[in-house]
Amino acid sequence: MLINQKIKEMASCNNSMQREIIENTYKELEKEKMQRMAHLQELIQNDEKKNLEDKIQKLKTSVEYFDEIINASKPNRIILQMIIDKIYIHRDKTIRFSLKADIEKLLK
C-alpha cells in the first residue's frame, strides 16, 4: 500500500524538489516499516525460544518425577498424585494407570 501511494504522489507532482521530498519521505517510511518488521520477527523468535525452554523444563520435571518413582523403593504418594489420573484394577488383578493429560502430551 505504501508503494501505491508513492507511485500516485510521484505521478501527480511536477517539481523535481517535490519528487525528492516525496522520495525521501517514502524511504524513511519504508525504513521504519522494515525496522518494525525486524523488531516483530525478533519478538516472535524470543517468544518461540521461551516457549521451547518452558516445554523442555516441563519435560525435564516429568522425567525427574518418573526417575524418582523408578529409583524409589517405595513411591512417593504426592508425586504419584501429580502424574496419575486414574488407576484401573481389572478382574484378572492386572493394573493399568491413566496418566494426567498434560503428562501424556509431554511423552508424545
PDB file of N, CA and C in Angstrom:
ATOM      1  N   MET A   1       0.827  -1.185   0.000  1.00  0.00           N
ATOM      2  CA  MET A   1       0.000   0.000   0.000  1.00  0.00           C
ATOM      3  C   MET A   1       0.874   1.252   0.000  1.00  0.00           C
ATOM      4  N   LEU A   2       1.979   1.192   0.707  1.00  0.00           N
ATOM      5  CA  LEU A   2       2.902   2.315   0.778  1.00  0.00           C
ATOM      6  C   LEU A   2       3.461   2.630  -0.607  1.00  0.00           C
ATOM      7  N   ILE A   3       3.762   1.601  -1.374  1.00  0.00           N
ATOM      8  CA  ILE A   3       4.319   1.784  -2.714  1.00  0.00           C
ATOM      9  C   ILE A   3       3.277   2.397  -3.643  1.00  0.00           C
ATOM     10  N   ASN A   4       2.029   1.952  -3.520  1.00  0.00           N
ATOM     11  CA  ASN A   4       0.951   2.520  -4.345  1.00  0.00           C
ATOM     12  C   ASN A   4       0.793   4.015  -4.092  1.00  0.00           C
ATOM     13  N   GLN A   5       0.837   4.413  -2.834  1.00  0.00           N
ATOM     14  CA  GLN A   5       0.720   5.832  -2.500  1.00  0.00           C
ATOM     15  C   GLN A   5       1.893   6.615  -3.078  1.00  0.00           C
ATOM     16  N   LYS A   6       3.067   6.026  -2.992  1.00  0.00           N
ATOM     17  CA  LYS A   6       4.268   6.679  -3.511  1.00  0.00           C
ATOM     18  C   LYS A   6       4.138   6.903  -5.014  1.00  0.00           C
ATOM     19  N   ILE A   7       3.685   5.891  -5.729  1.00  0.00           N
ATOM     20  CA  ILE A   7       3.526   5.999  -7.183  1.00  0.00           C
ATOM     21  C   ILE A   7       2.518   7.085  -7.533  1.00  0.00           C
ATOM     22  N   LYS A   8       1.395   7.120  -6.829  1.00  0.00           N
ATOM     23  CA  LYS A   8       0.374   8.139  -7.092  1.00  0.00           C
ATOM     24  C   LYS A   8       0.922   9.548  -6.868  1.00  0.00           C
ATOM     25  N   GLU A   9       1.620   9.732  -5.770  1.00  0.00           N
ATOM     26  CA  GLU A   9       2.154  11.057  -5.461  1.00  0.00           C
ATOM     27  C   GLU A   9       3.251  11.457  -6.440  1.00  0.00           C
ATOM     28  N   MET A  10       4.081  10.504  -6.843  1.00  0.00           N
ATOM     29  CA  MET A  10       5.150  10.806  -7.796  1.00  0.00           C
ATOM     30  C   MET A  10       4.556  11.179  -9.159  1.00  0.00           C
ATOM     31  N   ALA A  11       3.483  10.504  -9.536  1.00  0.00           N
ATOM     32  CA  ALA A  11       2.851  10.789 -10.826  1.00  0.00           C
ATOM     33  C   ALA A  11       2.177  12.157 -10.832  1.00  0.00           C
ATOM     34  N   SER A  12       1.698  12.586  -9.691  1.00  0.00           N
ATOM     35  CA  SER A  12       0.967  13.858  -9.635  1.00  0.00           C
ATOM     36  C   SER A  12       1.869  15.075  -9.429  1.00  0.00           C
ATOM     37  N   CYS A  13       3.123  14.884  -9.072  1.00  0.00           N
ATOM     38  CA  CYS A  13       3.980  16.050  -8.813  1.00  0.00           C
ATOM     39  C   CYS A  13       4.747  16.433 -10.083  1.00  0.00           C
ATOM     40  N   ASN A  14       4.975  17.735 -10.235  1.00  0.00           N
ATOM     41  CA  ASN A  14       5.645  18.265 -11.422  1.00  0.00           C
ATOM     42  C   ASN A  14       7.054  18.732 -11.109  1.00  0.00           C
ATOM     43  N   ASN A  15       7.284  19.093  -9.899  1.00  0.00           N
ATOM     44  CA  ASN A  15       8.528  19.715  -9.479  1.00  0.00           C
ATOM     45  C   ASN A  15       9.532  18.651  -9.036  1.00  0.00           C
ATOM     46  N   SER A  16      10.795  18.820  -9.430  1.00  0.00           N
ATOM     47  CA  SER A  16      11.828  17.851  -9.037  1.00  0.00           C
ATOM     48  C   SER A  16      12.103  17.915  -7.533  1.00  0.00           C
ATOM     49  N   MET A  17      11.929  19.084  -6.941  1.00  0.00           N
ATOM     50  CA  MET A  17      12.134  19.218  -5.497  1.00  0.00           C
ATOM     51  C   MET A  17      11.050  18.454  -4.739  1.00  0.00           C
ATOM     52  N   GLN A  18       9.826  18.541  -5.231  1.00  0.00           N
ATOM     53  CA  GLN A  18       8.730  17.781  -4.621  1.00  0.00           C
ATOM     54  C   GLN A  18       8.996  16.283  -4.742  1.00  0.00           C
ATOM     55  N   ARG A  19       9.481  15.882  -5.913  1.00  0.00           N
ATOM     56  CA  ARG A  19       9.791  14.461  -6.114  1.00  0.00           C
ATOM     57  C   ARG A  19      10.841  13.980  -5.116  1.00  0.00           C
ATOM     58  N   GLU A  20      11.843  14.813  -4.899  1.00  0.00           N
ATOM     59  CA  GLU A  20      12.910  14.453  -3.960  1.00  0.00           C
ATOM     60  C   GLU A  20      12.364  14.346  -2.539  1.00  0.00           C
ATOM     61  N   ILE A  21      11.510  15.280  -2.159  1.00  0.00           N
ATOM     62  CA  ILE A  21      10.893  15.252  -0.826  1.00  0.00           C
ATOM     63  C   ILE A  21      10.038  13.999  -0.672  1.00  0.00           C
ATOM     64  N   ILE A  22       9.240  13.712  -1.696  1.00  0.00           N
ATOM     65  CA  ILE A  22       8.388  12.518  -1.654  1.00  0.00           C
ATOM     66  C   ILE A  22       9.244  11.260  -1.565  1.00  0.00           C
ATOM     67  N   GLU A  23      10.300  11.226  -2.379  1.00  0.00           N
ATOM     68  CA  GLU A  23      11.200  10.064  -2.380  1.00  0.00           C
ATOM     69  C   GLU A  23      11.829   9.856  -0.997  1.00  0.00           C
ATOM     70  N   ASN A  24      12.334  10.923  -0.403  1.00  0.00           N
ATOM     71  CA  ASN A  24      12.963  10.828   0.922  1.00  0.00           C
ATOM     72  C   ASN A  24      11.958  10.434   1.998  1.00  0.00           C
ATOM     73  N   THR A  25      10.760  10.988   1.905  1.00  0.00           N
ATOM     74  CA  THR A  25       9.712  10.660   2.874  1.00  0.00           C
ATOM     75  C   THR A  25       9.380   9.175   2.824  1.00  0.00           C
ATOM     76  N   TYR A  26       9.209   8.660   1.614  1.00  0.00           N
ATOM     77  CA  TYR A  26       8.859   7.245   1.485  1.00  0.00           C
ATOM     78  C   TYR A  26      10.022   6.325   1.849  1.00  0.00           C
ATOM     79  N   LYS A  27      11.251   6.782   1.608  1.00  0.00           N
ATOM     80  CA  LYS A  27      12.408   5.985   2.045  1.00  0.00           C
ATOM     81  C   LYS A  27      12.406   5.850   3.564  1.00  0.00           C
ATOM     82  N   GLU A  28      12.108   6.954   4.240  1.00  0.00           N
ATOM     83  CA  GLU A  28      12.030   6.922   5.705  1.00  0.00           C
ATOM     84  C   GLU A  28      10.901   6.009   6.183  1.00  0.00           C
ATOM     85  N   LEU A  29       9.749   6.131   5.527  1.00  0.00           N
ATOM     86  CA  LEU A  29       8.615   5.277   5.904  1.00  0.00           C
ATOM     87  C   LEU A  29       8.945   3.800   5.683  1.00  0.00           C
ATOM     88  N   GLU A  30       9.582   3.493   4.557  1.00  0.00           N
ATOM     89  CA  GLU A  30       9.970   2.107   4.280  1.00  0.00           C
ATOM     90  C   GLU A  30      10.984   1.614   5.313  1.00  0.00           C
ATOM     91  N   LYS A  31      11.918   2.488   5.668  1.00  0.00           N
ATOM     92  CA  LYS A  31      12.927   2.133   6.674  1.00  0.00           C
ATOM     93  C   LYS A  31      12.252   1.832   8.018  1.00  0.00           C
ATOM     94  N   GLU A  32      11.296   2.678   8.414  1.00  0.00           N
ATOM     95  CA  GLU A  32      10.567   2.460   9.666  1.00  0.00           C
ATOM     96  C   GLU A  32       9.795   1.146   9.634  1.00  0.00           C
ATOM     97  N   LYS A  33       9.148   0.870   8.497  1.00  0.00           N
ATOM     98  CA  LYS A  33       8.387  -0.387   8.364  1.00  0.00           C
ATOM     99  C   LYS A  33       9.316  -1.591   8.460  1.00  0.00           C
ATOM    100  N   MET A  34      10.474  -1.515   7.817  1.00  0.00           N
ATOM    101  CA  MET A  34      11.431  -2.628   7.858  1.00  0.00           C
ATOM    102  C   MET A  34      11.957  -2.836   9.285  1.00  0.00           C
ATOM    103  N   GLN A  35      12.226  -1.727   9.981  1.00  0.00           N
ATOM    104  CA  GLN A  35      12.677  -1.834  11.368  1.00  0.00           C
ATOM    105  C   GLN A  35      11.588  -2.452  12.238  1.00  0.00           C
ATOM    106  N   ARG A  36      10.367  -2.056  12.005  1.00  0.00           N
ATOM    107  CA  ARG A  36       9.231  -2.607  12.767  1.00  0.00           C
ATOM    108  C   ARG A  36       9.090  -4.103  12.500  1.00  0.00           C
ATOM    109  N   MET A  37       9.224  -4.489  11.226  1.00  0.00           N
ATOM    110  CA  MET A  37       9.142  -5.910  10.879  1.00  0.00           C
ATOM    111  C   MET A  37      10.271  -6.701  11.535  1.00  0.00           C
ATOM    112  N   ALA A  38      11.479  -6.151  11.524  1.00  0.00           N
ATOM    113  CA  ALA A  38      12.613  -6.831  12.156  1.00  0.00           C
ATOM    114  C   ALA A  38      12.375  -6.973  13.656  1.00  0.00           C
ATOM    115  N   HIS A  39      11.834  -5.921  14.264  1.00  0.00           N
ATOM    116  CA  HIS A  39      11.535  -5.961  15.702  1.00  0.00           C
ATOM    117  C   HIS A  39      10.478  -7.025  16.010  1.00  0.00           C
ATOM    118  N   LEU A  40       9.433  -7.081  15.184  1.00  0.00           N
ATOM    119  CA  LEU A  40       8.381  -8.084  15.390  1.00  0.00           C
ATOM    120  C   LEU A  40       8.915  -9.502  15.199  1.00  0.00           C
ATOM    121  N   GLN A  41       9.778  -9.690  14.205  1.00  0.00           N
ATOM    122  CA  GLN A  41      10.382 -11.007  13.998  1.00  0.00           C
ATOM    123  C   GLN A  41      11.234 -11.408  15.200  1.00  0.00           C
ATOM    124  N   GLU A  42      11.951 -10.447  15.751  1.00  0.00           N
ATOM    125  CA  GLU A  42      12.761 -10.713  16.940  1.00  0.00           C
ATOM    126  C   GLU A  42      11.873 -11.099  18.124  1.00  0.00           C
ATOM    127  N   LEU A  43      10.749 -10.386  18.287  1.00  0.00           N
ATOM    128  CA  LEU A  43       9.814 -10.717  19.364  1.00  0.00           C
ATOM    129  C   LEU A  43       9.249 -12.126  19.192  1.00  0.00           C
ATOM    130  N   ILE A  44       8.917 -12.487  17.953  1.00  0.00           N
ATOM    131  CA  ILE A  44       8.392 -13.829  17.679  1.00  0.00           C
ATOM    132  C   ILE A  44       9.439 -14.880  18.007  1.00  0.00           C
ATOM    133  N   GLN A  45      10.681 -14.651  17.588  1.00  0.00           N
ATOM    134  CA  GLN A  45      11.753 -15.607  17.874  1.00  0.00           C
ATOM    135  C   GLN A  45      11.982 -15.750  19.373  1.00  0.00           C
ATOM    136  N   ASN A  46      11.962 -14.631  20.091  1.00  0.00           N
ATOM    137  CA  ASN A  46      12.146 -14.687  21.543  1.00  0.00           C
ATOM    138  C   ASN A  46      11.012 -15.452  22.210  1.00  0.00           C
ATOM    139  N   ASP A  47       9.783 -15.218  21.726  1.00  0.00           N
ATOM    140  CA  ASP A  47       8.622 -15.913  22.273  1.00  0.00           C
ATOM    141  C   ASP A  47       8.709 -17.415  21.995  1.00  0.00           C
ATOM    142  N   GLU A  48       9.098 -17.771  20.772  1.00  0.00           N
ATOM    143  CA  GLU A  48       9.243 -19.190  20.428  1.00  0.00           C
ATOM    144  C   GLU A  48      10.334 -19.842  21.274  1.00  0.00           C
ATOM    145  N   LYS A  49      11.428 -19.112  21.487  1.00  0.00           N
ATOM    146  CA  LYS A  49      12.526 -19.638  22.302  1.00  0.00           C
ATOM    147  C   LYS A  49      12.054 -19.866  23.740  1.00  0.00           C
ATOM    148  N   LYS A  50      11.309 -18.897  24.281  1.00  0.00           N
ATOM    149  CA  LYS A  50      10.803 -19.028  25.652  1.00  0.00           C
ATOM    150  C   LYS A  50       9.840 -20.207  25.765  1.00  0.00           C
ATOM    151  N   ASN A  51       8.951 -20.359  24.767  1.00  0.00           N
ATOM    152  CA  ASN A  51       8.016 -21.486  24.778  1.00  0.00           C
ATOM    153  C   ASN A  51       8.754 -22.812  24.730  1.00  0.00           C
ATOM    154  N   LEU A  52       9.793 -22.886  23.909  1.00  0.00           N
ATOM    155  CA  LEU A  52      10.582 -24.109  23.809  1.00  0.00           C
ATOM    156  C   LEU A  52      11.284 -24.402  25.135  1.00  0.00           C
ATOM    157  N   GLU A  53      11.839 -23.364  25.755  1.00  0.00           N
ATOM    158  CA  GLU A  53      12.503 -23.547  27.050  1.00  0.00           C
ATOM    159  C   GLU A  53      11.508 -24.022  28.107  1.00  0.00           C
ATOM    160  N   ASP A  54      10.297 -23.466  28.085  1.00  0.00           N
ATOM    161  CA  ASP A  54       9.260 -23.893  29.033  1.00  0.00           C
ATOM    162  C   ASP A  54       8.893 -25.357  28.826  1.00  0.00           C
ATOM    163  N   LYS A  55       8.738 -25.764  27.559  1.00  0.00           N
ATOM    164  CA  LYS A  55       8.409 -27.160  27.265  1.00  0.00           C
ATOM    165  C   LYS A  55       9.525 -28.086  27.719  1.00  0.00           C
ATOM    166  N   ILE A  56      10.768 -27.684  27.472  1.00  0.00           N
ATOM    167  CA  ILE A  56      11.911 -28.500  27.892  1.00  0.00           C
ATOM    168  C   ILE A  56      11.931 -28.636  29.406  1.00  0.00           C
ATOM    169  N   GLN A  57      11.662 -27.541  30.109  1.00  0.00           N
ATOM    170  CA  GLN A  57      11.655 -27.583  31.569  1.00  0.00           C
ATOM    171  C   GLN A  57      10.552 -28.496  32.090  1.00  0.00           C
ATOM    172  N   LYS A  58       9.361 -28.416  31.484  1.00  0.00           N
ATOM    173  CA  LYS A  58       8.261 -29.293  31.903  1.00  0.00           C
ATOM    174  C   LYS A  58       8.616 -30.751  31.650  1.00  0.00           C
ATOM    175  N   LEU A  59       9.242 -31.012  30.512  1.00  0.00           N
ATOM    176  CA  LEU A  59       9.635 -32.379  30.188  1.00  0.00           C
ATOM    177  C   LEU A  59      10.684 -32.885  31.172  1.00  0.00           C
ATOM    178  N   LYS A  60      11.659 -32.025  31.504  1.00  0.00           N
ATOM    179  CA  LYS A  60      12.682 -32.413  32.486  1.00  0.00           C
ATOM    180  C   LYS A  60      12.043 -32.723  33.833  1.00  0.00           C
ATOM    181  N   THR A  61      11.086 -31.894  34.233  1.00  0.00           N
ATOM    182  CA  THR A  61      10.402 -32.117  35.503  1.00  0.00           C
ATOM    183  C   THR A  61       9.666 -33.448  35.485  1.00  0.00           C
ATOM    184  N   SER A  62       8.984 -33.739  34.392  1.00  0.00           N
ATOM    185  CA  SER A  62       8.266 -35.014  34.279  1.00  0.00           C
ATOM    186  C   SER A  62       9.229 -36.187  34.325  1.00  0.00           C
ATOM    187  N   VAL A  63      10.335 -36.064  33.608  1.00  0.00           N
ATOM    188  CA  VAL A  63      11.335 -37.139  33.607  1.00  0.00           C
ATOM    189  C   VAL A  63      11.907 -37.318  35.009  1.00  0.00           C
ATOM    190  N   GLU A  64      12.140 -36.221  35.712  1.00  0.00           N
ATOM    191  CA  GLU A  64      12.643 -36.316  37.086  1.00  0.00           C
ATOM    192  C   GLU A  64      11.641 -37.049  37.978  1.00  0.00           C
ATOM    193  N   TYR A  65      10.347 -36.755  37.803  1.00  0.00           N
ATOM    194  CA  TYR A  65       9.326 -37.459  38.581  1.00  0.00           C
ATOM    195  C   TYR A  65       9.372 -38.956  38.291  1.00  0.00           C
ATOM    196  N   PHE A  66       9.448 -39.298  37.003  1.00  0.00           N
ATOM    197  CA  PHE A  66       9.489 -40.715  36.643  1.00  0.00           C
ATOM    198  C   PHE A  66      10.757 -41.380  37.172  1.00  0.00           C
ATOM    199  N   ASP A  67      11.891 -40.690  37.097  1.00  0.00           N
ATOM    200  CA  ASP A  67      13.133 -41.241  37.645  1.00  0.00           C
ATOM    201  C   ASP A  67      13.008 -41.477  39.145  1.00  0.00           C
ATOM    202  N   GLU A  68      12.400 -40.520  39.823  1.00  0.00           N
ATOM    203  CA  GLU A  68      12.219 -40.657  41.271  1.00  0.00           C
ATOM    204  C   GLU A  68      11.320 -41.848  41.597  1.00  0.00           C
ATOM    205  N   ILE A  69      10.279 -42.031  40.798  1.00  0.00           N
ATOM    206  CA  ILE A  69       9.378 -43.172  41.013  1.00  0.00           C
ATOM    207  C   ILE A  69      10.110 -44.482  40.766  1.00  0.00           C
ATOM    208  N   ILE A  70      10.856 -44.532  39.668  1.00  0.00           N
ATOM    209  CA  ILE A  70      11.568 -45.763  39.309  1.00  0.00           C
ATOM    210  C   ILE A  70      12.649 -46.101  40.326  1.00  0.00           C
ATOM    211  N   ASN A  71      13.383 -45.103  40.786  1.00  0.00           N
ATOM    212  CA  ASN A  71      14.508 -45.341  41.696  1.00  0.00           C
ATOM    213  C   ASN A  71      14.099 -45.504  43.156  1.00  0.00           C
ATOM    214  N   ALA A  72      12.873 -45.145  43.486  1.00  0.00           N
ATOM    215  CA  ALA A  72      12.430 -45.228  44.883  1.00  0.00           C
ATOM    216  C   ALA A  72      12.047 -46.663  45.230  1.00  0.00           C
ATOM    217  N   SER A  73      12.385 -47.046  46.444  1.00  0.00           N
ATOM    218  CA  SER A  73      11.961 -48.368  46.899  1.00  0.00           C
ATOM    219  C   SER A  73      10.463 -48.352  47.211  1.00  0.00           C
ATOM    220  N   LYS A  74       9.998 -47.207  47.664  1.00  0.00           N
ATOM    221  CA  LYS A  74       8.569 -47.021  47.921  1.00  0.00           C
ATOM    222  C   LYS A  74       8.164 -45.697  47.265  1.00  0.00           C
ATOM    223  N   PRO A  75       7.220 -45.720  46.315  1.00  0.00           N
ATOM    224  CA  PRO A  75       6.850 -44.491  45.594  1.00  0.00           C
ATOM    225  C   PRO A  75       6.295 -43.413  46.525  1.00  0.00           C
ATOM    226  N   ASN A  76       6.584 -42.180  46.187  1.00  0.00           N
ATOM    227  CA  ASN A  76       6.098 -41.030  46.934  1.00  0.00           C
ATOM    228  C   ASN A  76       4.661 -40.727  46.492  1.00  0.00           C
ATOM    229  N   ARG A  77       3.749 -40.730  47.428  1.00  0.00           N
ATOM    230  CA  ARG A  77       2.330 -40.549  47.124  1.00  0.00           C
ATOM    231  C   ARG A  77       2.054 -39.214  46.426  1.00  0.00           C
ATOM    232  N   ILE A  78       2.709 -38.161  46.850  1.00  0.00           N
ATOM    233  CA  ILE A  78       2.475 -36.832  46.275  1.00  0.00           C
ATOM    234  C   ILE A  78       2.855 -36.805  44.798  1.00  0.00           C
ATOM    235  N   ILE A  79       4.005 -37.377  44.470  1.00  0.00           N
ATOM    236  CA  ILE A  79       4.444 -37.403  43.073  1.00  0.00           C
ATOM    237  C   ILE A  79       3.499 -38.255  42.241  1.00  0.00           C
ATOM    238  N   LEU A  80       3.085 -39.384  42.782  1.00  0.00           N
ATOM    239  CA  LEU A  80       2.145 -40.239  42.056  1.00  0.00           C
ATOM    240  C   LEU A  80       0.836 -39.500  41.786  1.00  0.00           C
ATOM    241  N   GLN A  81       0.373 -38.736  42.755  1.00  0.00           N
ATOM    242  CA  GLN A  81      -0.864 -37.973  42.577  1.00  0.00           C
ATOM    243  C   GLN A  81      -0.704 -36.884  41.515  1.00  0.00           C
ATOM    244  N   MET A  82       0.514 -36.396  41.338  1.00  0.00           N
ATOM    245  CA  MET A  82       0.761 -35.352  40.349  1.00  0.00           C
ATOM    246  C   MET A  82       0.740 -35.892  38.923  1.00  0.00           C
ATOM    247  N   ILE A  83       1.073 -37.174  38.725  1.00  0.00           N
ATOM    248  CA  ILE A  83       1.164 -37.691  37.355  1.00  0.00           C
ATOM    249  C   ILE A  83       0.078 -38.693  36.987  1.00  0.00           C
ATOM    250  N   ILE A  84      -0.528 -39.352  37.978  1.00  0.00           N
ATOM    251  CA  ILE A  84      -1.530 -40.378  37.677  1.00  0.00           C
ATOM    252  C   ILE A  84      -2.926 -39.788  37.813  1.00  0.00           C
ATOM    253  N   ASP A  85      -3.724 -40.001  36.764  1.00  0.00           N
ATOM    254  CA  ASP A  85      -5.101 -39.507  36.764  1.00  0.00           C
ATOM    255  C   ASP A  85      -6.040 -40.556  37.360  1.00  0.00           C
ATOM    256  N   LYS A  86      -5.940 -41.807  36.839  1.00  0.00           N
ATOM    257  CA  LYS A  86      -6.800 -42.891  37.317  1.00  0.00           C
ATOM    258  C   LYS A  86      -6.000 -44.185  37.377  1.00  0.00           C
ATOM    259  N   ILE A  87      -6.430 -45.050  38.294  1.00  0.00           N
ATOM    260  CA  ILE A  87      -5.853 -46.392  38.406  1.00  0.00           C
ATOM    261  C   ILE A  87      -6.984 -47.385  38.172  1.00  0.00           C
ATOM    262  N   TYR A  88      -6.765 -48.279  37.215  1.00  0.00           N
ATOM    263  CA  TYR A  88      -7.762 -49.303  36.889  1.00  0.00           C
ATOM    264  C   TYR A  88      -7.248 -50.655  37.378  1.00  0.00           C
ATOM    265  N   ILE A  89      -8.049 -51.343  38.181  1.00  0.00           N
ATOM    266  CA  ILE A  89      -7.724 -52.695  38.628  1.00  0.00           C
ATOM    267  C   ILE A  89      -8.760 -53.619  38.001  1.00  0.00           C
ATOM    268  N   HIS A  90      -8.275 -54.504  37.137  1.00  0.00           N
ATOM    269  CA  HIS A  90      -9.161 -55.400  36.396  1.00  0.00           C
ATOM    270  C   HIS A  90      -9.444 -56.672  37.202  1.00  0.00           C
ATOM    271  N   ARG A  91     -10.417 -57.431  36.767  1.00  0.00           N
ATOM    272  CA  ARG A  91     -10.801 -58.661  37.473  1.00  0.00           C
ATOM    273  C   ARG A  91      -9.679 -59.685  37.514  1.00  0.00           C
ATOM    274  N   ASP A  92      -8.845 -59.665  36.490  1.00  0.00           N
ATOM    275  CA  ASP A  92      -7.724 -60.617  36.486  1.00  0.00           C
ATOM    276  C   ASP A  92      -6.537 -60.097  37.307  1.00  0.00           C
ATOM    277  N   LYS A  93      -6.784 -59.037  38.079  1.00  0.00           N
ATOM    278  CA  LYS A  93      -5.830 -58.425  39.000  1.00  0.00           C
ATOM    279  C   LYS A  93      -4.675 -57.708  38.298  1.00  0.00           C
ATOM    280  N   THR A  94      -4.876 -57.375  37.029  1.00  0.00           N
ATOM    281  CA  THR A  94      -3.887 -56.527  36.362  1.00  0.00           C
ATOM    282  C   THR A  94      -4.229 -55.071  36.661  1.00  0.00           C
ATOM    283  N   ILE A  95      -3.201 -54.254  36.662  1.00  0.00           N
ATOM    284  CA  ILE A  95      -3.372 -52.841  36.999  1.00  0.00           C
ATOM    285  C   ILE A  95      -2.962 -51.997  35.793  1.00  0.00           C
ATOM    286  N   ARG A  96      -3.777 -50.981  35.513  1.00  0.00           N
ATOM    287  CA  ARG A  96      -3.471 -50.054  34.423  1.00  0.00           C
ATOM    288  C   ARG A  96      -3.581 -48.639  34.975  1.00  0.00           C
ATOM    289  N   PHE A  97      -2.590 -47.812  34.650  1.00  0.00           N
ATOM    290  CA  PHE A  97      -2.569 -46.422  35.102  1.00  0.00           C
ATOM    291  C   PHE A  97      -2.904 -45.505  33.936  1.00  0.00           C
ATOM    292  N   SER A  98      -3.724 -44.517  34.196  1.00  0.00           N
ATOM    293  CA  SER A  98      -4.019 -43.480  33.208  1.00  0.00           C
ATOM    294  C   SER A  98      -3.321 -42.208  33.680  1.00  0.00           C
ATOM    295  N   LEU A  99      -2.396 -41.714  32.855  1.00  0.00           N
ATOM    296  CA  LEU A  99      -1.646 -40.516  33.233  1.00  0.00           C
ATOM    297  C   LEU A  99      -2.488 -39.269  33.000  1.00  0.00           C
ATOM    298  N   LYS A 100      -2.157 -38.214  33.717  1.00  0.00           N
ATOM    299  CA  LYS A 100      -2.848 -36.945  33.519  1.00  0.00           C
ATOM    300  C   LYS A 100      -2.563 -36.449  32.109  1.00  0.00           C
ATOM    301  N   ALA A 101      -3.486 -35.699  31.555  1.00  0.00           N
ATOM    302  CA  ALA A 101      -3.424 -35.286  30.146  1.00  0.00           C
ATOM    303  C   ALA A 101      -2.143 -34.532  29.811  1.00  0.00           C
ATOM    304  N   ASP A 102      -1.706 -33.632  30.679  1.00  0.00           N
ATOM    305  CA  ASP A 102      -0.511 -32.854  30.363  1.00  0.00           C
ATOM    306  C   ASP A 102       0.747 -33.721  30.348  1.00  0.00           C
ATOM    307  N   ILE A 103       0.810 -34.746  31.177  1.00  0.00           N
ATOM    308  CA  ILE A 103       1.946 -35.672  31.179  1.00  0.00           C
ATOM    309  C   ILE A 103       1.941 -36.491  29.888  1.00  0.00           C
ATOM    310  N   GLU A 104       0.766 -36.938  29.471  1.00  0.00           N
ATOM    311  CA  GLU A 104       0.670 -37.718  28.233  1.00  0.00           C
ATOM    312  C   GLU A 104       1.118 -36.884  27.039  1.00  0.00           C
ATOM    313  N   LYS A 105       0.769 -35.608  27.017  1.00  0.00           N
ATOM    314  CA  LYS A 105       1.186 -34.731  25.919  1.00  0.00           C
ATOM    315  C   LYS A 105       2.703 -34.592  25.890  1.00  0.00           C
ATOM    316  N   LEU A 106       3.321 -34.489  27.051  1.00  0.00           N
ATOM    317  CA  LEU A 106       4.770 -34.349  27.114  1.00  0.00           C
ATOM    318  C   LEU A 106       5.485 -35.595  26.611  1.00  0.00           C
ATOM    319  N   LEU A 107       4.893 -36.753  26.845  1.00  0.00           N
ATOM    320  CA  LEU A 107       5.535 -38.005  26.468  1.00  0.00           C
ATOM    321  C   LEU A 107       5.377 -38.329  24.990  1.00  0.00           C
ATOM    322  N   LYS A 108       4.446 -37.700  24.320  1.00  0.00           N
ATOM    323  CA  LYS A 108       4.212 -37.992  22.891  1.00  0.00           C
ATOM    324  C   LYS A 108       5.091 -37.169  22.004  1.00  0.00           C
TER     325      LYS A 108
END
